[in-house]
Amino acid sequence: MLSTPAHPAFLKTAVLLTVLAVTQGCTADPRSNDPRLQAVATTGMIADIVGQVGGERVMVEGLMGPGIDPHLYRASAGDVRKLSNADIVFYNGLHLEAAMGDVLEQMRGRIQTVAVTDSIDRGTLLAPPEFAGAYDPHLWFDVSLWMQAVEQVERALSARDSAGAATYRANSRAYLAQLDSLHRWVQARTQEVPAERRVLVTAHDAFNYFGRAYAFEVKGLQGISTVSEAGTADVQRLADLIVERRIPAIFIETSIPRRTIAAVQLAARSRGFQPRIGSPLFSDAMGDAGTPEGTYIGMVRHNVNSIVDALLDTSPAP
């Protein structure tokens, strides 16, 4: 918590908000000659939606690149300048970008900000009791639920740029058709894993929507937010489960240090059973631009193939 105005986090936020105030009045937009709508998105998954729906009418810039943890990400002065020069800002909401909360709040009334999850029925969201009454923000791992975020982006772009509404709708329909096919592919691919072996052990609880949608039991070492730290007791508890259930594979995530899951593997090995560590999963961030995993569809396909292949492989871990 912030105990005094001298706290470093308070000072950093104050500086950023000062930058925001200054840039609103004094900074010329270097893209002012670009006729396209200027959009900024917090995560790669959201930037991908905006790019798909916006097409050639929208220039989108993502703030958080590969390997970035949005739970802990704090906006830099450069980020604030990008945000202040945007026509519209898209973010996830549901406290995913918790460390950016002050900056996003200050944008309201100055820049149009849109939480892509705002229109989703809260009755369809997961609200784990340990998350202090808030919702699990990682809904992009249920492809059918993430499709509603696409519709939210379409509505926001159409409202901001009514001349492009027909284009946004056509692009949205085309992308939603791709996501519907992706959802059906995930359903079929995950069913290749026998029901008793559908246990997904990961570094943090980012995959609960995936588990609900595709019939997996999900066990995360850390909580829903990576702000929480996993302790020795958490490692031992998870190791006991892995040994008892003979879970053949566990997974690291690209945005979380490998050491967390490596400790679980070591604890399980000390009990006489060694799970393999599967291919890294993309959880809170996508892969590098220009790669299949640098798109939402490619990220989902990579994750599902990695999970299924590892859980079906019962050979001894190396």
C-alpha atoms as a PDB file:
ATOM      1  CA  MET A   1       0.000   0.000   0.000  1.00  0.00           C
ATOM      2  CA  LEU A   2       1.071   3.627  -0.434  1.00  0.00           C
ATOM      3  CA  SER A   3       1.714   4.922   3.055  1.00  0.00           C
ATOM      4  CA  THR A   4       3.007   8.432   2.251  1.00  0.00           C
ATOM      5  CA  PRO A   5       3.290  10.709  -0.784  1.00  0.00           C
ATOM      6  CA  ALA A   6       7.021   9.972  -0.787  1.00  0.00           C
ATOM      7  CA  HIS A   7       6.463   6.312  -1.709  1.00  0.00           C
ATOM      8  CA  PRO A   8       8.353   5.561  -5.000  1.00  0.00           C
ATOM      9  CA  ALA A   9       5.230   4.152  -6.698  1.00  0.00           C
ATOM     10  CA  PHE A  10       3.307   7.307  -5.782  1.00  0.00           C
ATOM     11  CA  LEU A  11       6.053   9.516  -7.155  1.00  0.00           C
ATOM     12  CA  LYS A  12       6.257   7.576 -10.405  1.00  0.00           C
ATOM     13  CA  THR A  13       2.505   7.786 -10.903  1.00  0.00           C
ATOM     14  CA  ALA A  14       2.567  11.507 -10.131  1.00  0.00           C
ATOM     15  CA  VAL A  15       5.313  12.068 -12.703  1.00  0.00           C
ATOM     16  CA  LEU A  16       3.411  10.134 -15.351  1.00  0.00           C
ATOM     17  CA  LEU A  17       0.217  12.025 -14.702  1.00  0.00           C
ATOM     18  CA  THR A  18       2.155  15.290 -14.954  1.00  0.00           C
ATOM     19  CA  VAL A  19       3.509  14.136 -18.305  1.00  0.00           C
ATOM     20  CA  LEU A  20      -0.050  13.372 -19.359  1.00  0.00           C
ATOM     21  CA  ALA A  21      -1.209  16.866 -18.401  1.00  0.00           C
ATOM     22  CA  VAL A  22       1.661  18.491 -20.263  1.00  0.00           C
ATOM     23  CA  THR A  23       1.335  16.378 -23.395  1.00  0.00           C
ATOM     24  CA  GLN A  24      -2.347  17.150 -23.638  1.00  0.00           C
ATOM     25  CA  GLY A  25      -1.548  20.792 -24.223  1.00  0.00           C
ATOM     26  CA  CYS A  26       1.944  20.921 -25.654  1.00  0.00           C
ATOM     27  CA  THR A  27       2.983  17.805 -27.541  1.00  0.00           C
ATOM     28  CA  ALA A  28       2.429  17.696 -31.285  1.00  0.00           C
ATOM     29  CA  ASP A  29       1.299  14.327 -32.538  1.00  0.00           C
ATOM     30  CA  PRO A  30       4.037  12.983 -34.848  1.00  0.00           C
ATOM     31  CA  ARG A  31       1.350  10.988 -36.687  1.00  0.00           C
ATOM     32  CA  SER A  32      -0.894  14.005 -37.282  1.00  0.00           C
ATOM     33  CA  ASN A  33      -0.575  13.634 -41.056  1.00  0.00           C
ATOM     34  CA  ASP A  34      -1.745  10.017 -40.951  1.00  0.00           C
ATOM     35  CA  PRO A  35      -5.442   9.958 -41.924  1.00  0.00           C
ATOM     36  CA  ARG A  36      -6.037   6.673 -40.119  1.00  0.00           C
ATOM     37  CA  LEU A  37      -7.663   6.464 -36.705  1.00  0.00           C
ATOM     38  CA  GLN A  38      -4.873   6.282 -34.115  1.00  0.00           C
ATOM     39  CA  ALA A  39      -5.455   3.501 -31.572  1.00  0.00           C
ATOM     40  CA  VAL A  40      -3.395   2.237 -28.662  1.00  0.00           C
ATOM     41  CA  ALA A  41      -3.991  -1.168 -27.037  1.00  0.00           C
ATOM     42  CA  THR A  42      -2.491  -2.400 -23.803  1.00  0.00           C
ATOM     43  CA  THR A  43      -1.925  -6.105 -24.564  1.00  0.00           C
ATOM     44  CA  GLY A  44      -1.001  -7.933 -27.729  1.00  0.00           C
ATOM     45  CA  MET A  45      -4.253  -9.885 -27.758  1.00  0.00           C
ATOM     46  CA  ILE A  46      -6.248  -6.649 -27.802  1.00  0.00           C
ATOM     47  CA  ALA A  47      -3.974  -5.018 -30.381  1.00  0.00           C
ATOM     48  CA  ASP A  48      -4.571  -8.032 -32.610  1.00  0.00           C
ATOM     49  CA  ILE A  49      -8.341  -7.560 -32.402  1.00  0.00           C
ATOM     50  CA  VAL A  50      -8.087  -3.856 -33.187  1.00  0.00           C
ATOM     51  CA  GLY A  51      -5.836  -4.577 -36.153  1.00  0.00           C
ATOM     52  CA  GLN A  52      -8.178  -7.248 -37.486  1.00  0.00           C
ATOM     53  CA  VAL A  53     -11.328  -5.146 -37.108  1.00  0.00           C
ATOM     54  CA  GLY A  54      -9.801  -1.791 -37.967  1.00  0.00           C
ATOM     55  CA  GLY A  55      -7.986  -2.957 -41.084  1.00  0.00           C
ATOM     56  CA  GLU A  56      -6.556  -0.163 -43.202  1.00  0.00           C
ATOM     57  CA  ARG A  57      -8.621   2.524 -41.459  1.00  0.00           C
ATOM     58  CA  VAL A  58      -6.835   2.137 -38.111  1.00  0.00           C
ATOM     59  CA  MET A  59      -3.219   2.437 -37.009  1.00  0.00           C
ATOM     60  CA  VAL A  60      -2.866   0.410 -33.795  1.00  0.00           C
ATOM     61  CA  GLU A  61       0.077   0.378 -31.417  1.00  0.00           C
ATOM     62  CA  GLY A  62       0.406  -2.128 -28.588  1.00  0.00           C
ATOM     63  CA  LEU A  63       2.086  -1.143 -25.334  1.00  0.00           C
ATOM     64  CA  MET A  64       2.998  -4.565 -23.947  1.00  0.00           C
ATOM     65  CA  GLY A  65       5.173  -6.784 -26.102  1.00  0.00           C
ATOM     66  CA  PRO A  66       6.217 -10.449 -25.855  1.00  0.00           C
ATOM     67  CA  GLY A  67       7.070 -11.699 -22.382  1.00  0.00           C
ATOM     68  CA  ILE A  68       5.480  -8.712 -20.615  1.00  0.00           C
ATOM     69  CA  ASP A  69       3.336  -9.354 -17.546  1.00  0.00           C
ATOM     70  CA  PRO A  70       0.334  -6.977 -17.673  1.00  0.00           C
ATOM     71  CA  HIS A  71      -0.402  -7.462 -13.972  1.00  0.00           C
ATOM     72  CA  LEU A  72       2.868  -5.736 -13.081  1.00  0.00           C
ATOM     73  CA  TYR A  73       3.344  -3.431 -16.061  1.00  0.00           C
ATOM     74  CA  ARG A  74       3.712   0.262 -15.278  1.00  0.00           C
ATOM     75  CA  ALA A  75       3.351   2.875 -17.993  1.00  0.00           C
ATOM     76  CA  SER A  76       6.519   4.751 -18.882  1.00  0.00           C
ATOM     77  CA  ALA A  77       6.587   8.422 -19.821  1.00  0.00           C
ATOM     78  CA  GLY A  78       6.811   7.298 -23.453  1.00  0.00           C
ATOM     79  CA  ASP A  79       3.700   5.165 -23.012  1.00  0.00           C
ATOM     80  CA  VAL A  80       1.821   8.131 -21.585  1.00  0.00           C
ATOM     81  CA  ARG A  81       2.752  10.203 -24.629  1.00  0.00           C
ATOM     82  CA  LYS A  82       1.457   7.449 -26.914  1.00  0.00           C
ATOM     83  CA  LEU A  83      -1.767   7.225 -24.938  1.00  0.00           C
ATOM     84  CA  SER A  84      -2.288  10.981 -24.908  1.00  0.00           C
ATOM     85  CA  ASN A  85      -1.807  11.212 -28.678  1.00  0.00           C
ATOM     86  CA  ALA A  86      -4.270   8.405 -29.433  1.00  0.00           C
ATOM     87  CA  ASP A  87      -7.776   8.865 -30.777  1.00  0.00           C
ATOM     88  CA  ILE A  88      -8.934   5.823 -28.825  1.00  0.00           C
ATOM     89  CA  VAL A  89      -7.383   3.499 -26.221  1.00  0.00           C
ATOM     90  CA  PHE A  90      -8.367  -0.143 -25.739  1.00  0.00           C
ATOM     91  CA  TYR A  91      -7.591  -2.104 -22.588  1.00  0.00           C
ATOM     92  CA  ASN A  92      -8.741  -5.380 -21.059  1.00  0.00           C
ATOM     93  CA  GLY A  93     -10.248  -4.198 -17.795  1.00  0.00           C
ATOM     94  CA  LEU A  94     -11.199  -6.485 -14.874  1.00  0.00           C
ATOM     95  CA  HIS A  95      -8.023  -5.246 -13.145  1.00  0.00           C
ATOM     96  CA  LEU A  96      -5.681  -7.014 -15.576  1.00  0.00           C
ATOM     97  CA  GLU A  97      -3.674  -3.797 -16.042  1.00  0.00           C
ATOM     98  CA  ALA A  98      -3.793  -3.038 -12.322  1.00  0.00           C
ATOM     99  CA  ALA A  99      -0.507  -1.117 -12.177  1.00  0.00           C
ATOM    100  CA  MET A 100      -1.730   1.166 -14.982  1.00  0.00           C
ATOM    101  CA  GLY A 101      -5.012   1.932 -13.255  1.00  0.00           C
ATOM    102  CA  ASP A 102      -4.178   5.529 -12.290  1.00  0.00           C
ATOM    103  CA  VAL A 103      -3.015   6.447 -15.774  1.00  0.00           C
ATOM    104  CA  LEU A 104      -6.041   4.887 -17.481  1.00  0.00           C
ATOM    105  CA  GLU A 105      -8.337   6.622 -15.011  1.00  0.00           C
ATOM    106  CA  GLN A 106      -6.763   9.999 -15.797  1.00  0.00           C
ATOM    107  CA  MET A 107      -7.397   9.385 -19.501  1.00  0.00           C
ATOM    108  CA  ARG A 108     -11.148   9.401 -18.995  1.00  0.00           C
ATOM    109  CA  GLY A 109     -12.686  12.605 -20.264  1.00  0.00           C
ATOM    110  CA  ARG A 110      -9.558  13.433 -22.309  1.00  0.00           C
ATOM    111  CA  ILE A 111      -9.135  10.351 -24.519  1.00  0.00           C
ATOM    112  CA  GLN A 112     -11.776   7.778 -25.359  1.00  0.00           C
ATOM    113  CA  THR A 113     -10.908   4.626 -23.417  1.00  0.00           C
ATOM    114  CA  VAL A 114     -12.626   1.300 -23.977  1.00  0.00           C
ATOM    115  CA  ALA A 115     -12.428  -1.818 -21.810  1.00  0.00           C
ATOM    116  CA  VAL A 116     -13.017  -4.680 -24.231  1.00  0.00           C
ATOM    117  CA  THR A 117     -14.623  -6.741 -21.454  1.00  0.00           C
ATOM    118  CA  ASP A 118     -17.175  -4.121 -20.374  1.00  0.00           C
ATOM    119  CA  SER A 119     -20.094  -5.470 -22.394  1.00  0.00           C
ATOM    120  CA  ILE A 120     -19.616  -9.103 -21.372  1.00  0.00           C
ATOM    121  CA  ASP A 121     -22.325 -10.437 -19.063  1.00  0.00           C
ATOM    122  CA  ARG A 122     -20.765 -10.651 -15.602  1.00  0.00           C
ATOM    123  CA  GLY A 123     -22.727 -13.832 -15.028  1.00  0.00           C
ATOM    124  CA  THR A 124     -20.480 -15.566 -17.557  1.00  0.00           C
ATOM    125  CA  LEU A 125     -17.262 -14.479 -15.814  1.00  0.00           C
ATOM    126  CA  LEU A 126     -15.349 -16.394 -13.176  1.00  0.00           C
ATOM    127  CA  ALA A 127     -15.168 -14.765  -9.751  1.00  0.00           C
ATOM    128  CA  PRO A 128     -12.789 -16.823  -7.586  1.00  0.00           C
ATOM    129  CA  PRO A 129     -13.324 -16.193  -3.852  1.00  0.00           C
ATOM    130  CA  GLU A 130      -9.604 -15.637  -3.293  1.00  0.00           C
ATOM    131  CA  PHE A 131      -9.632 -12.710  -5.754  1.00  0.00           C
ATOM    132  CA  ALA A 132     -11.348 -10.327  -3.330  1.00  0.00           C
ATOM    133  CA  GLY A 133     -14.672 -10.097  -5.138  1.00  0.00           C
ATOM    134  CA  ALA A 134     -13.138  -9.240  -8.537  1.00  0.00           C
ATOM    135  CA  TYR A 135     -13.400 -11.233 -11.739  1.00  0.00           C
ATOM    136  CA  ASP A 136     -10.760 -13.384 -13.395  1.00  0.00           C
ATOM    137  CA  PRO A 137      -9.538 -11.219 -16.317  1.00  0.00           C
ATOM    138  CA  HIS A 138      -7.984 -14.000 -18.464  1.00  0.00           C
ATOM    139  CA  LEU A 139     -11.075 -14.673 -20.546  1.00  0.00           C
ATOM    140  CA  TRP A 140      -9.232 -14.787 -23.907  1.00  0.00           C
ATOM    141  CA  PHE A 141      -8.512 -18.484 -23.311  1.00  0.00           C
ATOM    142  CA  ASP A 142     -12.177 -19.262 -23.887  1.00  0.00           C
ATOM    143  CA  VAL A 143     -12.279 -18.413 -27.583  1.00  0.00           C
ATOM    144  CA  SER A 144     -16.084 -18.202 -27.622  1.00  0.00           C
ATOM    145  CA  LEU A 145     -16.003 -15.622 -24.812  1.00  0.00           C
ATOM    146  CA  TRP A 146     -13.205 -13.596 -26.418  1.00  0.00           C
ATOM    147  CA  MET A 147     -15.385 -13.247 -29.502  1.00  0.00           C
ATOM    148  CA  GLN A 148     -17.507 -10.824 -27.484  1.00  0.00           C
ATOM    149  CA  ALA A 149     -14.445  -8.606 -27.064  1.00  0.00           C
ATOM    150  CA  VAL A 150     -14.212  -8.449 -30.860  1.00  0.00           C
ATOM    151  CA  GLU A 151     -17.797  -7.200 -31.012  1.00  0.00           C
ATOM    152  CA  GLN A 152     -17.006  -4.567 -28.379  1.00  0.00           C
ATOM    153  CA  VAL A 153     -14.077  -3.295 -30.442  1.00  0.00           C
ATOM    154  CA  GLU A 154     -16.274  -3.147 -33.548  1.00  0.00           C
ATOM    155  CA  ARG A 155     -18.888  -1.067 -31.726  1.00  0.00           C
ATOM    156  CA  ALA A 156     -16.294   1.324 -30.317  1.00  0.00           C
ATOM    157  CA  LEU A 157     -14.528   1.878 -33.643  1.00  0.00           C
ATOM    158  CA  SER A 158     -17.847   2.392 -35.436  1.00  0.00           C
ATOM    159  CA  ALA A 159     -18.952   4.947 -32.845  1.00  0.00           C
ATOM    160  CA  ARG A 160     -15.635   6.804 -33.118  1.00  0.00           C
ATOM    161  CA  ASP A 161     -15.465   6.644 -36.918  1.00  0.00           C
ATOM    162  CA  SER A 162     -18.984   6.276 -38.292  1.00  0.00           C
ATOM    163  CA  ALA A 163     -17.757   6.588 -41.887  1.00  0.00           C
ATOM    164  CA  GLY A 164     -15.923   3.307 -41.452  1.00  0.00           C
ATOM    165  CA  ALA A 165     -18.751   1.412 -39.736  1.00  0.00           C
ATOM    166  CA  ALA A 166     -19.485  -0.835 -42.719  1.00  0.00           C
ATOM    167  CA  THR A 167     -15.794  -1.724 -43.026  1.00  0.00           C
ATOM    168  CA  TYR A 168     -15.488  -2.470 -39.334  1.00  0.00           C
ATOM    169  CA  ARG A 169     -18.558  -4.671 -39.429  1.00  0.00           C
ATOM    170  CA  ALA A 170     -17.315  -6.642 -42.444  1.00  0.00           C
ATOM    171  CA  ASN A 171     -13.873  -7.106 -40.883  1.00  0.00           C
ATOM    172  CA  SER A 172     -15.415  -8.126 -37.582  1.00  0.00           C
ATOM    173  CA  ARG A 173     -17.685 -10.717 -39.225  1.00  0.00           C
ATOM    174  CA  ALA A 174     -14.745 -12.213 -41.108  1.00  0.00           C
ATOM    175  CA  TYR A 175     -12.591 -12.409 -37.992  1.00  0.00           C
ATOM    176  CA  LEU A 176     -15.411 -13.857 -35.890  1.00  0.00           C
ATOM    177  CA  ALA A 177     -15.821 -16.621 -38.459  1.00  0.00           C
ATOM    178  CA  GLN A 178     -12.137 -17.469 -38.026  1.00  0.00           C
ATOM    179  CA  LEU A 179     -12.520 -17.507 -34.248  1.00  0.00           C
ATOM    180  CA  ASP A 180     -15.585 -19.740 -34.450  1.00  0.00           C
ATOM    181  CA  SER A 181     -13.514 -22.225 -36.464  1.00  0.00           C
ATOM    182  CA  LEU A 182     -10.699 -21.899 -33.921  1.00  0.00           C
ATOM    183  CA  HIS A 183     -13.080 -22.611 -31.033  1.00  0.00           C
ATOM    184  CA  ARG A 184     -14.356 -25.776 -32.717  1.00  0.00           C
ATOM    185  CA  TRP A 185     -10.786 -26.873 -33.457  1.00  0.00           C
ATOM    186  CA  VAL A 186      -9.790 -26.413 -29.798  1.00  0.00           C
ATOM    187  CA  GLN A 187     -12.800 -28.471 -28.710  1.00  0.00           C
ATOM    188  CA  ALA A 188     -11.808 -31.327 -31.014  1.00  0.00           C
ATOM    189  CA  ARG A 189      -8.062 -31.188 -30.281  1.00  0.00           C
ATOM    190  CA  THR A 190      -8.421 -31.136 -26.496  1.00  0.00           C
ATOM    191  CA  GLN A 191     -10.764 -34.129 -26.574  1.00  0.00           C
ATOM    192  CA  GLU A 192      -7.816 -36.222 -27.734  1.00  0.00           C
ATOM    193  CA  VAL A 193      -6.588 -36.175 -24.123  1.00  0.00           C
ATOM    194  CA  PRO A 194      -8.371 -38.774 -21.955  1.00  0.00           C
ATOM    195  CA  ALA A 195     -10.610 -37.117 -19.366  1.00  0.00           C
ATOM    196  CA  GLU A 196      -8.608 -38.404 -16.398  1.00  0.00           C
ATOM    197  CA  ARG A 197      -5.430 -36.875 -17.832  1.00  0.00           C
ATOM    198  CA  ARG A 198      -6.873 -33.409 -18.511  1.00  0.00           C
ATOM    199  CA  VAL A 199      -5.058 -31.641 -15.685  1.00  0.00           C
ATOM    200  CA  LEU A 200      -3.234 -28.438 -16.601  1.00  0.00           C
ATOM    201  CA  VAL A 201      -0.544 -27.330 -14.136  1.00  0.00           C
ATOM    202  CA  THR A 202       0.845 -23.855 -14.849  1.00  0.00           C
ATOM    203  CA  ALA A 203       2.809 -21.072 -13.192  1.00  0.00           C
ATOM    204  CA  HIS A 204      -0.280 -18.984 -12.358  1.00  0.00           C
ATOM    205  CA  ASP A 205      -4.052 -19.230 -12.652  1.00  0.00           C
ATOM    206  CA  ALA A 206      -4.380 -17.793 -16.163  1.00  0.00           C
ATOM    207  CA  PHE A 207      -6.151 -20.770 -17.708  1.00  0.00           C
ATOM    208  CA  ASN A 208      -9.352 -21.192 -15.714  1.00  0.00           C
ATOM    209  CA  TYR A 209     -11.549 -20.016 -18.598  1.00  0.00           C
ATOM    210  CA  PHE A 210      -9.733 -22.513 -20.820  1.00  0.00           C
ATOM    211  CA  GLY A 211     -10.439 -25.216 -18.261  1.00  0.00           C
ATOM    212  CA  ARG A 212     -14.123 -24.390 -18.030  1.00  0.00           C
ATOM    213  CA  ALA A 213     -14.613 -24.161 -21.797  1.00  0.00           C
ATOM    214  CA  TYR A 214     -12.654 -27.259 -22.766  1.00  0.00           C
ATOM    215  CA  ALA A 215     -13.099 -29.555 -19.744  1.00  0.00           C
ATOM    216  CA  PHE A 216      -9.673 -29.296 -18.077  1.00  0.00           C
ATOM    217  CA  GLU A 217      -8.868 -29.189 -14.381  1.00  0.00           C
ATOM    218  CA  VAL A 218      -6.492 -26.252 -13.923  1.00  0.00           C
ATOM    219  CA  LYS A 219      -3.946 -25.902 -11.132  1.00  0.00           C
ATOM    220  CA  GLY A 220      -1.830 -22.766 -10.917  1.00  0.00           C
ATOM    221  CA  LEU A 221       1.119 -22.248  -8.607  1.00  0.00           C
ATOM    222  CA  GLN A 222       0.446 -18.542  -8.153  1.00  0.00           C
ATOM    223  CA  GLY A 223      -2.928 -16.882  -7.946  1.00  0.00           C
ATOM    224  CA  ILE A 224      -4.821 -15.136 -10.724  1.00  0.00           C
ATOM    225  CA  SER A 225      -2.593 -12.082 -10.404  1.00  0.00           C
ATOM    226  CA  THR A 226       1.185 -12.530 -10.490  1.00  0.00           C
ATOM    227  CA  VAL A 227       1.434  -9.821  -7.847  1.00  0.00           C
ATOM    228  CA  SER A 228       1.003 -12.655  -5.335  1.00  0.00           C
ATOM    229  CA  GLU A 229       4.100 -14.713  -4.560  1.00  0.00           C
ATOM    230  CA  ALA A 230       4.100 -18.510  -4.439  1.00  0.00           C
ATOM    231  CA  GLY A 231       5.545 -19.876  -1.203  1.00  0.00           C
ATOM    232  CA  THR A 232       7.199 -23.153  -0.248  1.00  0.00           C
ATOM    233  CA  ALA A 233       3.892 -24.566   0.923  1.00  0.00           C
ATOM    234  CA  ASP A 234       2.331 -23.845  -2.488  1.00  0.00           C
ATOM    235  CA  VAL A 235       5.181 -25.664  -4.243  1.00  0.00           C
ATOM    236  CA  GLN A 236       4.900 -28.693  -1.950  1.00  0.00           C
ATOM    237  CA  ARG A 237       1.122 -28.839  -2.285  1.00  0.00           C
ATOM    238  CA  LEU A 238       1.306 -28.817  -6.063  1.00  0.00           C
ATOM    239  CA  ALA A 239       4.099 -31.406  -6.096  1.00  0.00           C
ATOM    240  CA  ASP A 240       1.975 -33.728  -3.940  1.00  0.00           C
ATOM    241  CA  LEU A 241      -0.887 -33.427  -6.408  1.00  0.00           C
ATOM    242  CA  ILE A 242       1.357 -34.139  -9.412  1.00  0.00           C
ATOM    243  CA  VAL A 243       2.804 -37.260  -7.809  1.00  0.00           C
ATOM    244  CA  GLU A 244      -0.553 -38.526  -6.574  1.00  0.00           C
ATOM    245  CA  ARG A 245      -2.260 -38.020  -9.943  1.00  0.00           C
ATOM    246  CA  ARG A 246       0.823 -38.988 -12.008  1.00  0.00           C
ATOM    247  CA  ILE A 247       0.464 -35.860 -14.110  1.00  0.00           C
ATOM    248  CA  PRO A 248       2.986 -36.306 -16.951  1.00  0.00           C
ATOM    249  CA  ALA A 249       3.652 -32.665 -17.795  1.00  0.00           C
ATOM    250  CA  ILE A 250       3.602 -29.208 -16.249  1.00  0.00           C
ATOM    251  CA  PHE A 251       4.009 -25.856 -17.982  1.00  0.00           C
ATOM    252  CA  ILE A 252       5.962 -22.650 -17.695  1.00  0.00           C
ATOM    253  CA  GLU A 253       4.673 -19.377 -19.144  1.00  0.00           C
ATOM    254  CA  THR A 254       6.550 -16.909 -21.290  1.00  0.00           C
ATOM    255  CA  SER A 255       5.698 -13.945 -19.063  1.00  0.00           C
ATOM    256  CA  ILE A 256       6.658 -15.604 -15.756  1.00  0.00           C
ATOM    257  CA  PRO A 257      10.146 -16.732 -14.635  1.00  0.00           C
ATOM    258  CA  ARG A 258      10.847 -20.430 -15.236  1.00  0.00           C
ATOM    259  CA  ARG A 259      12.076 -20.939 -11.674  1.00  0.00           C
ATOM    260  CA  THR A 260       8.547 -21.156 -10.257  1.00  0.00           C
ATOM    261  CA  ILE A 261       7.608 -24.299 -12.172  1.00  0.00           C
ATOM    262  CA  ALA A 262      11.158 -25.671 -12.024  1.00  0.00           C
ATOM    263  CA  ALA A 263      10.809 -25.710  -8.218  1.00  0.00           C
ATOM    264  CA  VAL A 264       7.634 -27.767  -8.530  1.00  0.00           C
ATOM    265  CA  GLN A 265       9.336 -30.240 -10.859  1.00  0.00           C
ATOM    266  CA  LEU A 266      12.226 -30.591  -8.398  1.00  0.00           C
ATOM    267  CA  ALA A 267       9.847 -31.176  -5.482  1.00  0.00           C
ATOM    268  CA  ALA A 268       7.987 -33.859  -7.431  1.00  0.00           C
ATOM    269  CA  ARG A 269      11.274 -35.508  -8.390  1.00  0.00           C
ATOM    270  CA  SER A 270      12.239 -35.713  -4.718  1.00  0.00           C
ATOM    271  CA  ARG A 271       9.069 -37.788  -4.238  1.00  0.00           C
ATOM    272  CA  GLY A 272      10.108 -40.265  -6.923  1.00  0.00           C
ATOM    273  CA  PHE A 273       8.138 -38.925  -9.902  1.00  0.00           C
ATOM    274  CA  GLN A 274       9.394 -36.472 -12.497  1.00  0.00           C
ATOM    275  CA  PRO A 275       6.948 -34.663 -14.767  1.00  0.00           C
ATOM    276  CA  ARG A 276       8.323 -33.162 -17.951  1.00  0.00           C
ATOM    277  CA  ILE A 277       8.155 -29.408 -18.486  1.00  0.00           C
ATOM    278  CA  GLY A 278       6.130 -28.846 -21.640  1.00  0.00           C
ATOM    279  CA  SER A 279       6.687 -26.203 -24.280  1.00  0.00           C
ATOM    280  CA  PRO A 280       6.258 -22.700 -22.805  1.00  0.00           C
ATOM    281  CA  LEU A 281       2.706 -21.418 -22.935  1.00  0.00           C
ATOM    282  CA  PHE A 282       1.723 -17.907 -23.917  1.00  0.00           C
ATOM    283  CA  SER A 283      -0.544 -16.684 -21.149  1.00  0.00           C
ATOM    284  CA  ASP A 284      -0.621 -12.917 -20.578  1.00  0.00           C
ATOM    285  CA  ALA A 285       1.427 -12.004 -23.656  1.00  0.00           C
ATOM    286  CA  MET A 286       1.684 -13.277 -27.230  1.00  0.00           C
ATOM    287  CA  GLY A 287       4.808 -14.241 -29.165  1.00  0.00           C
ATOM    288  CA  ASP A 288       7.099 -12.136 -31.334  1.00  0.00           C
ATOM    289  CA  ALA A 289       5.598 -10.080 -34.120  1.00  0.00           C
ATOM    290  CA  GLY A 290       5.869 -11.813 -37.477  1.00  0.00           C
ATOM    291  CA  THR A 291       5.558 -15.310 -35.981  1.00  0.00           C
ATOM    292  CA  PRO A 292       2.382 -17.425 -35.803  1.00  0.00           C
ATOM    293  CA  GLU A 293       2.426 -17.031 -32.009  1.00  0.00           C
ATOM    294  CA  GLY A 294       2.466 -13.258 -32.483  1.00  0.00           C
ATOM    295  CA  THR A 295      -1.226 -13.460 -33.379  1.00  0.00           C
ATOM    296  CA  TYR A 296      -4.097 -14.450 -31.129  1.00  0.00           C
ATOM    297  CA  ILE A 297      -5.086 -17.415 -33.311  1.00  0.00           C
ATOM    298  CA  GLY A 298      -1.492 -18.619 -33.563  1.00  0.00           C
ATOM    299  CA  MET A 299      -0.986 -18.223 -29.812  1.00  0.00           C
ATOM    300  CA  VAL A 300      -4.057 -20.323 -29.031  1.00  0.00           C
ATOM    301  CA  ARG A 301      -3.040 -23.016 -31.510  1.00  0.00           C
ATOM    302  CA  HIS A 302       0.470 -23.156 -30.061  1.00  0.00           C
ATOM    303  CA  ASN A 303      -0.838 -23.470 -26.510  1.00  0.00           C
ATOM    304  CA  VAL A 304      -3.366 -26.170 -27.321  1.00  0.00           C
ATOM    305  CA  ASN A 305      -0.913 -28.243 -29.331  1.00  0.00           C
ATOM    306  CA  SER A 306       1.703 -27.910 -26.584  1.00  0.00           C
ATOM    307  CA  ILE A 307      -0.757 -28.961 -23.869  1.00  0.00           C
ATOM    308  CA  VAL A 308      -2.231 -31.893 -25.772  1.00  0.00           C
ATOM    309  CA  ASP A 309       1.085 -33.249 -27.047  1.00  0.00           C
ATOM    310  CA  ALA A 310       2.718 -33.071 -23.602  1.00  0.00           C
ATOM    311  CA  LEU A 311      -0.178 -34.692 -21.743  1.00  0.00           C
ATOM    312  CA  LEU A 312      -0.395 -37.504 -24.291  1.00  0.00           C
ATOM    313  CA  ASP A 313       3.358 -38.204 -24.018  1.00  0.00           C
ATOM    314  CA  THR A 314       3.844 -40.723 -21.232  1.00  0.00           C
ATOM    315  CA  SER A 315       7.506 -41.504 -21.944  1.00  0.00           C
ATOM    316  CA  PRO A 316       9.949 -40.843 -19.076  1.00  0.00           C
ATOM    317  CA  ALA A 317      10.892 -37.214 -18.645  1.00  0.00           C
ATOM    318  CA  PRO A 318      14.504 -36.411 -19.651  1.00  0.00           C
END
